[in-house]
Amino acid sequence: MLKVGLVGFGFMGRMHFDNYVRLMAEGEPIELVAICDLIIDELKDSKANGNMSTGQEIYDLSAYRLYDHLEKMLAAEQLDMIDLAIPTYLHAEMACSLLERGYHVFCEKPMARYSADARQMAETAKKYGKKLMIGQCLRFWPGYEYLKEVIEEDRFGQPTAGYFYRGSGAPKNWFLTDELSGAALLDMHIHDSDMVLWLFGAPEKVSTIGRNVIPGSGYDIASTHYGYADGKVINSQVDWTLEGDFGFYMGYRVNFERGNIVFDGSFVTVNPNDQPGFKAELPADDGYYRELKYFIGAIIQDKPIMICTPESAADSVALIEAEWESANAGGAWVSLKA
């Protein structure tokens, strides 16, 4: 039985919690044993009985042991895997320490605030023989998986162009401090930059135009062009200044020699050039569930991480750094370092 400790009970921590509960109910050989959060006492609901209020939902955590500090949890529990759903600037130091002490680590994206730290995480996992995976969930998201399959199978010929987009209102707290989160480029846009790498390979150069709207938050709006030797036109955009009733949106459009594919956040529509379009049949489960199931399976079966290697996740952070450099230079092309 794989014993898991969850660190962080913010939005993503609760998302992971929900999926661990589901995986346990489905009979996966795992046990979520403990939950750690620095403000665990503040989150506990006044009704006691182990309930915890997040402001919108109340969770019954009476079945889990709760801690307000990681070291307290590690000292008291016999754990095999630690799930880090904590602020970005804490990822590298905490993950490396856990890997060195013999724990498998699942860490939320982005991998680290800086690519040098991300590389250190990957090297530490390799050195100590422990599994590390980063929550680049789009690699497990059915709509993006489908696109990956189409490209690899050359189903409609070579890609000629692509457009990726995601937008929402602004987050709060530490997310709006550039040095801690990396702003919209690193925190949000990295999903689509990671997709560009995963789908098309590394570009030769990037050009990014960015704008700061919220004081101190870094680039809140950005648009990046990715330069490839074969001339395909790839662009991705991010915007976390969309307030009011906008909510959240992610999607893509990719053109091929013999068709195009459009994802509107819910459905994938395939439009071949020589036949009627159709909706692709996709798995019902989302990427959050499927990435955790994949990582747990890799640990239990002692299989290598293949879909989202630590090295590839570090490459995505490095790509964001090149985009940041370009934005600082007013959109000038920046070559990727070999």
Protein backbone atom coordinates (compact mmCIF):
# COMPACT_ATOMS: atom_id res chain seq x y z
CA MET A 1 0.00 0.00 0.00
CA LEU A 2 1.48 3.32 -1.11
CA LYS A 3 1.17 5.83 1.72
CA VAL A 4 0.78 9.45 0.62
CA GLY A 5 1.20 12.76 2.40
CA LEU A 6 -0.38 15.89 0.87
CA VAL A 7 1.36 19.22 1.50
CA GLY A 8 -0.76 22.30 0.81
CA PHE A 9 -4.55 22.56 0.99
CA GLY A 10 -5.18 25.50 -1.30
CA PHE A 11 -7.05 25.21 -4.59
CA MET A 12 -4.74 22.63 -6.16
CA GLY A 13 -4.25 20.78 -2.89
CA ARG A 14 -8.00 20.31 -2.64
CA MET A 15 -8.10 19.22 -6.28
CA HIS A 16 -5.50 16.56 -5.52
CA PHE A 17 -7.34 15.57 -2.34
CA ASP A 18 -10.57 14.97 -4.28
CA ASN A 19 -8.75 12.74 -6.73
CA TYR A 20 -6.98 10.74 -4.02
CA VAL A 21 -10.36 10.10 -2.41
CA ARG A 22 -11.68 8.88 -5.75
CA LEU A 23 -8.63 6.71 -6.47
CA MET A 24 -8.88 5.07 -3.05
CA ALA A 25 -12.59 4.43 -3.58
CA GLU A 26 -11.77 2.82 -6.93
CA GLY A 27 -9.42 0.37 -5.24
CA GLU A 28 -6.04 1.82 -6.13
CA PRO A 29 -3.44 0.48 -3.66
CA ILE A 30 -2.83 3.87 -2.05
CA GLU A 31 -3.71 5.50 1.24
CA LEU A 32 -3.80 9.25 1.76
CA VAL A 33 -2.55 9.31 5.33
CA ALA A 34 -1.82 12.91 6.25
CA ILE A 35 -2.40 16.50 5.15
CA CYS A 36 -0.09 19.38 5.94
CA ASP A 37 -0.75 23.12 5.63
CA LEU A 38 0.81 26.01 7.52
CA ILE A 39 -2.64 27.40 8.34
CA ILE A 40 -4.29 24.08 9.05
CA ASP A 41 -5.77 25.39 12.31
CA GLU A 42 -7.28 28.40 10.58
CA LEU A 43 -8.84 26.19 7.93
CA LYS A 44 -10.50 23.89 10.45
CA ASP A 45 -14.19 24.55 10.74
CA SER A 46 -15.49 25.68 14.10
CA LYS A 47 -17.92 22.74 14.12
CA ALA A 48 -14.90 20.52 14.88
CA ASN A 49 -15.22 16.80 14.16
CA GLY A 50 -12.35 17.16 11.72
CA ASN A 51 -14.22 19.39 9.31
CA MET A 52 -12.34 22.02 7.38
CA SER A 53 -13.78 25.10 5.73
CA THR A 54 -12.12 26.69 2.69
CA GLY A 55 -14.64 29.52 2.49
CA GLN A 56 -16.67 27.84 -0.26
CA GLU A 57 -16.65 24.18 0.72
CA ILE A 58 -16.44 22.16 3.91
CA TYR A 59 -14.29 19.03 3.84
CA ASP A 60 -14.57 16.19 6.30
CA LEU A 61 -10.96 15.44 7.16
CA SER A 62 -11.61 13.36 10.25
CA ALA A 63 -10.06 10.32 8.56
CA TYR A 64 -6.70 12.05 8.06
CA ARG A 65 -3.97 13.21 10.38
CA LEU A 66 -3.43 16.95 10.05
CA TYR A 67 -0.17 18.87 10.49
CA ASP A 68 0.89 22.50 10.35
CA HIS A 69 4.52 21.80 9.41
CA LEU A 70 6.15 19.37 7.00
CA GLU A 71 8.81 18.18 9.43
CA LYS A 72 6.17 17.30 12.02
CA MET A 73 4.37 15.20 9.44
CA LEU A 74 7.54 13.43 8.30
CA ALA A 75 8.60 12.68 11.86
CA ALA A 76 5.25 11.17 12.79
CA GLU A 77 4.31 9.27 9.62
CA GLN A 78 5.70 6.44 7.52
CA LEU A 79 5.14 7.79 4.01
CA ASP A 80 6.22 6.67 0.55
CA MET A 81 5.14 9.63 -1.56
CA ILE A 82 4.72 13.35 -0.94
CA ASP A 83 2.42 15.52 -3.02
CA LEU A 84 3.55 19.16 -3.09
CA ALA A 85 0.71 21.60 -3.80
CA ILE A 86 2.57 24.61 -2.44
CA PRO A 87 3.69 28.02 -3.78
CA THR A 88 6.10 27.92 -6.72
CA TYR A 89 9.04 29.51 -4.93
CA LEU A 90 9.08 26.65 -2.40
CA HIS A 91 9.08 23.79 -4.92
CA ALA A 92 12.78 23.27 -5.56
CA GLU A 93 14.15 23.32 -2.02
CA MET A 94 11.36 21.21 -0.60
CA ALA A 95 11.31 18.67 -3.44
CA CYS A 96 15.08 18.17 -3.38
CA SER A 97 15.06 17.67 0.39
CA LEU A 98 12.31 15.07 0.14
CA LEU A 99 13.96 13.21 -2.72
CA GLU A 100 17.24 13.08 -0.81
CA ARG A 101 15.39 11.55 2.14
CA GLY A 102 13.91 8.77 0.01
CA TYR A 103 10.43 9.98 -0.88
CA HIS A 104 8.80 9.91 -4.29
CA VAL A 105 7.53 13.40 -5.13
CA PHE A 106 4.63 14.70 -7.18
CA CYS A 107 5.02 18.47 -7.50
CA GLU A 108 2.58 20.98 -8.93
CA LYS A 109 3.55 23.11 -11.91
CA PRO A 110 5.46 25.20 -12.63
CA MET A 111 8.39 22.99 -11.68
CA ALA A 112 10.34 25.83 -10.05
CA ARG A 113 10.68 29.59 -10.13
CA TYR A 114 13.92 29.31 -12.14
CA SER A 115 15.12 26.71 -14.63
CA ALA A 116 18.43 26.19 -12.77
CA ASP A 117 16.44 25.06 -9.73
CA ALA A 118 14.25 22.87 -11.91
CA ARG A 119 17.35 21.19 -13.34
CA GLN A 120 18.58 20.56 -9.80
CA MET A 121 15.29 18.87 -8.95
CA ALA A 122 15.64 16.54 -11.95
CA GLU A 123 19.26 15.75 -11.09
CA THR A 124 18.38 15.04 -7.45
CA ALA A 125 15.63 12.59 -8.43
CA LYS A 126 18.06 10.77 -10.70
CA LYS A 127 20.85 10.73 -8.12
CA TYR A 128 18.70 9.26 -5.35
CA GLY A 129 16.69 6.92 -7.57
CA LYS A 130 13.29 8.36 -6.68
CA LYS A 131 10.43 9.25 -8.95
CA LEU A 132 9.60 12.90 -9.54
CA MET A 133 6.79 14.17 -11.72
CA ILE A 134 5.50 17.68 -12.30
CA GLY A 135 1.80 18.42 -12.65
CA GLN A 136 1.86 19.58 -16.28
CA CYS A 137 -1.70 18.29 -16.46
CA LEU A 138 -2.36 19.14 -20.11
CA ARG A 139 -0.14 16.23 -21.12
CA PHE A 140 -2.87 14.04 -19.62
CA TRP A 141 -5.83 16.19 -20.70
CA PRO A 142 -7.90 14.29 -23.31
CA GLY A 143 -8.28 17.24 -25.70
CA TYR A 144 -4.52 17.76 -25.86
CA GLU A 145 -3.71 14.05 -25.85
CA TYR A 146 -5.86 13.70 -28.96
CA LEU A 147 -3.89 16.44 -30.70
CA LYS A 148 -0.62 14.73 -29.74
CA GLU A 149 -1.82 11.46 -31.29
CA VAL A 150 -2.88 13.18 -34.53
CA ILE A 151 0.55 14.80 -34.88
CA GLU A 152 2.52 11.64 -34.07
CA GLU A 153 0.44 9.55 -36.49
CA ASP A 154 0.71 12.18 -39.25
CA ARG A 155 -3.04 11.79 -39.65
CA PHE A 156 -3.57 15.07 -41.53
CA GLY A 157 -0.02 15.74 -42.66
CA GLN A 158 2.38 18.19 -41.05
CA PRO A 159 1.20 21.02 -38.78
CA THR A 160 1.34 24.38 -40.53
CA ALA A 161 0.06 26.69 -37.78
CA GLY A 162 -1.21 26.65 -34.22
CA TYR A 163 -2.82 28.98 -31.73
CA PHE A 164 -3.15 28.32 -27.98
CA TYR A 165 -4.96 30.51 -25.47
CA ARG A 166 -5.89 30.65 -21.81
CA GLY A 167 -7.37 33.45 -19.77
CA SER A 168 -9.04 34.23 -16.45
CA GLY A 169 -9.34 36.83 -13.77
CA ALA A 170 -6.32 37.62 -11.64
CA PRO A 171 -5.34 35.27 -8.80
CA LYS A 172 -4.60 36.60 -5.32
CA ASN A 173 -1.95 36.74 -2.62
CA TRP A 174 1.58 35.51 -3.50
CA PHE A 175 0.62 34.91 -7.15
CA LEU A 176 0.68 38.67 -7.71
CA THR A 177 4.29 39.02 -6.54
CA ASP A 178 6.42 38.48 -9.60
CA GLU A 179 9.47 37.17 -7.75
CA LEU A 180 7.40 34.47 -6.06
CA SER A 181 5.16 33.26 -8.88
CA GLY A 182 6.72 34.38 -12.16
CA ALA A 183 3.41 36.07 -12.98
CA ALA A 184 1.07 34.94 -15.74
CA LEU A 185 3.95 33.76 -17.95
CA LEU A 186 5.28 31.16 -15.53
CA ASP A 187 2.15 30.34 -13.55
CA MET A 188 -0.48 30.15 -16.28
CA HIS A 189 1.08 30.49 -19.72
CA ILE A 190 3.52 27.65 -19.00
CA HIS A 191 0.70 25.21 -19.71
CA ASP A 192 0.63 26.27 -23.35
CA SER A 193 4.40 26.72 -23.68
CA ASP A 194 4.74 23.20 -22.33
CA MET A 195 2.27 22.04 -24.99
CA VAL A 196 4.29 23.73 -27.72
CA LEU A 197 7.38 21.78 -26.62
CA TRP A 198 5.47 18.53 -26.18
CA LEU A 199 3.68 18.74 -29.51
CA PHE A 200 6.21 20.36 -31.83
CA GLY A 201 9.58 20.11 -30.11
CA ALA A 202 11.77 23.02 -29.08
CA PRO A 203 11.56 26.16 -31.23
CA GLU A 204 14.71 27.85 -32.44
CA LYS A 205 13.66 31.22 -31.03
CA VAL A 206 10.79 33.06 -29.35
CA SER A 207 9.31 36.54 -29.51
CA THR A 208 7.03 37.70 -26.70
CA ILE A 209 5.09 40.91 -26.19
CA GLY A 210 3.95 41.38 -22.60
CA ARG A 211 2.07 43.94 -20.57
CA ASN A 212 1.88 44.60 -16.85
CA VAL A 213 -1.52 45.73 -15.58
CA ILE A 214 -1.48 44.86 -11.88
CA PRO A 215 1.38 46.69 -10.08
CA GLY A 216 4.16 44.33 -8.97
CA SER A 217 2.69 41.26 -10.64
CA GLY A 218 4.96 41.02 -13.68
CA TYR A 219 3.49 40.31 -17.10
CA ASP A 220 -0.27 39.83 -16.78
CA ILE A 221 -0.93 39.68 -20.54
CA ALA A 222 1.41 38.12 -23.08
CA SER A 223 1.57 36.82 -26.63
CA THR A 224 4.40 34.60 -27.85
CA HIS A 225 5.49 33.54 -31.32
CA TYR A 226 7.62 30.40 -31.58
CA GLY A 227 10.06 30.27 -34.48
CA TYR A 228 10.62 26.93 -36.24
CA ALA A 229 12.94 26.09 -39.11
CA ASP A 230 10.11 24.62 -41.18
CA GLY A 231 8.18 27.88 -41.02
CA LYS A 232 5.07 26.73 -39.15
CA VAL A 233 3.33 29.63 -37.42
CA ILE A 234 2.81 28.91 -33.72
CA ASN A 235 1.45 31.43 -31.21
CA SER A 236 0.15 31.27 -27.65
CA GLN A 237 -1.50 33.94 -25.53
CA VAL A 238 -2.26 34.38 -21.85
CA ASP A 239 -4.34 36.95 -19.98
CA TRP A 240 -5.21 36.92 -16.30
CA THR A 241 -6.86 40.36 -16.25
CA LEU A 242 -10.26 39.11 -17.45
CA GLU A 243 -12.47 40.09 -14.53
CA GLY A 244 -16.26 40.25 -14.23
CA ASP A 245 -18.16 37.16 -15.35
CA PHE A 246 -15.50 35.87 -17.74
CA GLY A 247 -14.44 32.89 -15.61
CA PHE A 248 -11.79 30.71 -17.22
CA TYR A 249 -11.12 29.59 -20.77
CA MET A 250 -8.51 27.44 -22.48
CA GLY A 251 -8.40 26.23 -26.05
CA TYR A 252 -6.43 25.77 -29.25
CA ARG A 253 -6.63 25.68 -33.03
CA VAL A 254 -4.04 23.74 -35.01
CA ASN A 255 -3.89 23.71 -38.80
CA PHE A 256 -2.49 20.81 -40.82
CA GLU A 257 -1.78 20.20 -44.48
CA ARG A 258 -5.05 18.28 -44.77
CA GLY A 259 -7.30 19.70 -42.07
CA ASN A 260 -7.55 21.52 -38.75
CA ILE A 261 -8.49 20.74 -35.16
CA VAL A 262 -10.18 23.12 -32.72
CA PHE A 263 -10.57 22.68 -28.96
CA ASP A 264 -12.99 25.07 -27.23
CA GLY A 265 -12.28 23.91 -23.70
CA SER A 266 -15.00 21.26 -23.82
CA PHE A 267 -15.07 19.64 -27.25
CA VAL A 268 -12.49 18.81 -29.91
CA THR A 269 -13.80 19.45 -33.42
CA VAL A 270 -11.89 17.84 -36.27
CA ASN A 271 -12.24 19.40 -39.72
CA PRO A 272 -10.59 17.31 -42.47
CA ASN A 273 -10.19 19.11 -45.79
CA ASP A 274 -11.88 16.36 -47.80
CA GLN A 275 -14.76 15.19 -45.58
CA PRO A 276 -17.31 16.50 -43.07
CA GLY A 277 -16.07 17.61 -39.67
CA PHE A 278 -16.78 15.64 -36.50
CA LYS A 279 -16.43 15.75 -32.73
CA ALA A 280 -13.60 13.57 -31.44
CA GLU A 281 -14.44 10.90 -28.87
CA LEU A 282 -12.44 11.60 -25.73
CA PRO A 283 -12.01 9.98 -22.29
CA ALA A 284 -14.28 11.52 -19.66
CA ASP A 285 -11.65 11.96 -16.94
CA ASP A 286 -9.65 15.18 -16.72
CA GLY A 287 -5.90 15.62 -16.56
CA TYR A 288 -5.75 16.16 -12.79
CA TYR A 289 -7.12 12.67 -12.15
CA ARG A 290 -5.20 10.97 -14.93
CA GLU A 291 -1.78 12.45 -14.04
CA LEU A 292 -2.04 11.26 -10.43
CA LYS A 293 -3.19 7.81 -11.50
CA TYR A 294 -0.27 7.61 -13.94
CA PHE A 295 2.30 8.66 -11.33
CA ILE A 296 0.95 6.29 -8.70
CA GLY A 297 1.02 3.45 -11.23
CA ALA A 298 4.64 4.24 -12.14
CA ILE A 299 5.66 4.00 -8.47
CA ILE A 300 3.74 0.83 -7.72
CA GLN A 301 4.88 -0.93 -10.90
CA ASP A 302 8.36 0.64 -10.72
CA LYS A 303 8.12 1.96 -14.27
CA PRO A 304 9.96 5.05 -15.55
CA ILE A 305 8.13 8.35 -15.92
CA MET A 306 7.78 8.79 -19.67
CA ILE A 307 4.92 11.22 -20.43
CA CYS A 308 6.21 14.03 -18.24
CA THR A 309 9.86 13.56 -17.35
CA PRO A 310 11.46 16.00 -14.88
CA GLU A 311 13.92 17.04 -17.58
CA SER A 312 11.13 17.97 -19.99
CA ALA A 313 9.32 19.97 -17.31
CA ALA A 314 12.55 21.86 -16.63
CA ASP A 315 12.80 22.61 -20.36
CA SER A 316 9.40 24.29 -20.14
CA VAL A 317 10.61 26.59 -17.37
CA ALA A 318 13.66 27.46 -19.49
CA LEU A 319 11.38 28.27 -22.43
CA ILE A 320 9.39 30.67 -20.23
CA GLU A 321 12.65 32.37 -19.23
CA ALA A 322 13.44 32.96 -22.90
CA GLU A 323 9.96 34.41 -23.39
CA TRP A 324 10.48 36.65 -20.37
CA GLU A 325 13.79 37.87 -21.82
CA SER A 326 12.07 38.67 -25.10
CA ALA A 327 9.23 40.55 -23.39
CA ASN A 328 11.76 42.61 -21.46
CA ALA A 329 13.33 43.50 -24.82
CA GLY A 330 10.04 44.61 -26.33
CA GLY A 331 9.40 41.43 -28.29
CA ALA A 332 12.88 40.94 -29.77
CA TRP A 333 13.61 37.40 -30.95
CA VAL A 334 15.51 35.37 -28.35
CA SER A 335 17.30 32.18 -29.34
CA LEU A 336 16.89 29.16 -27.10
CA LYS A 337 20.06 28.07 -25.41
CA ALA A 338 21.18 24.59 -26.43
